[in-house]
Amino acid sequence: MLPEPANSSYYSQSKKRSRCMSTSMQYKFLRRILKYRHMDFEFALWQMLYLCVSPRKVYRNFHYHKQTKDQWARDDPAFLVLLSIWLCASSIGFAVMLKLPFLGFLKFLLWVVFVDCIAVGLIIASLLWFFCNRYLRISTAHDPGQRVEWAYAFDVHLNAFFPLLLILHVIQLFCMKIIIDNPWFISRFIGNSLWLIALVYYIYISFLG
């Protein structure tokens, strides 16, 4: 029987250690989401601002977070809480602008939160997580390579989703009655351009992640 390669046992140990860290990280995240005073909303607002101005600075901070806490994913749910507030506020604005009834507003809000943000994010994060761990990892004889955390892949989606939300749910909302909601060529051009900018920005921030 051939002896087991030295790096295989190290790889299995590192894999078990990463699973334990992922479980403890998820527990810590869920525990902190119920404690308002333990969230760093100022830092979350800083991230939201620089995702629109200079996304590279945000991912540079993720790199520092990895060096200090040995994990890529956020351990503070403040960003998710603020994003939820943005989703609710923009949905209320659309409901007022489109004169939706209360039931229509609830359907629109649930669709935006659970389909546009969460369901699409789960699919994209899972696909990119699998692709990165399967094809983009660099392994050597002494280092089996770092695995991408699924929570970090979902964080990348949330980072890319925020500017998309601002473009399609805030800027488009203010332009709707004045420009977009008219039977003119320039109206269709501006509306389609906003969607193109939002999708390109989403892809760009996901690529940086």
Foldseek 3Di string as FASTA:
>chain_A
DDDDAPVVVVVVVVVVVVVVVVVVLVVLLVVQVVPPVVADLVVLVVLLVCLVVPNLVVQVVLVVCCVPVVASADSHCNNVVVVLVLLLVLLVLVCVLVVPDPVRSVVVSCCCPVPVQPVVLLVQLVVVQVCCQVPVFDQDSNGGGDRHDSNNSSVLQSSLVSVLCCLVRPVCSVCVVPAQVDPDPVNVVVVVVSVVVSVVSSVVSSVSD
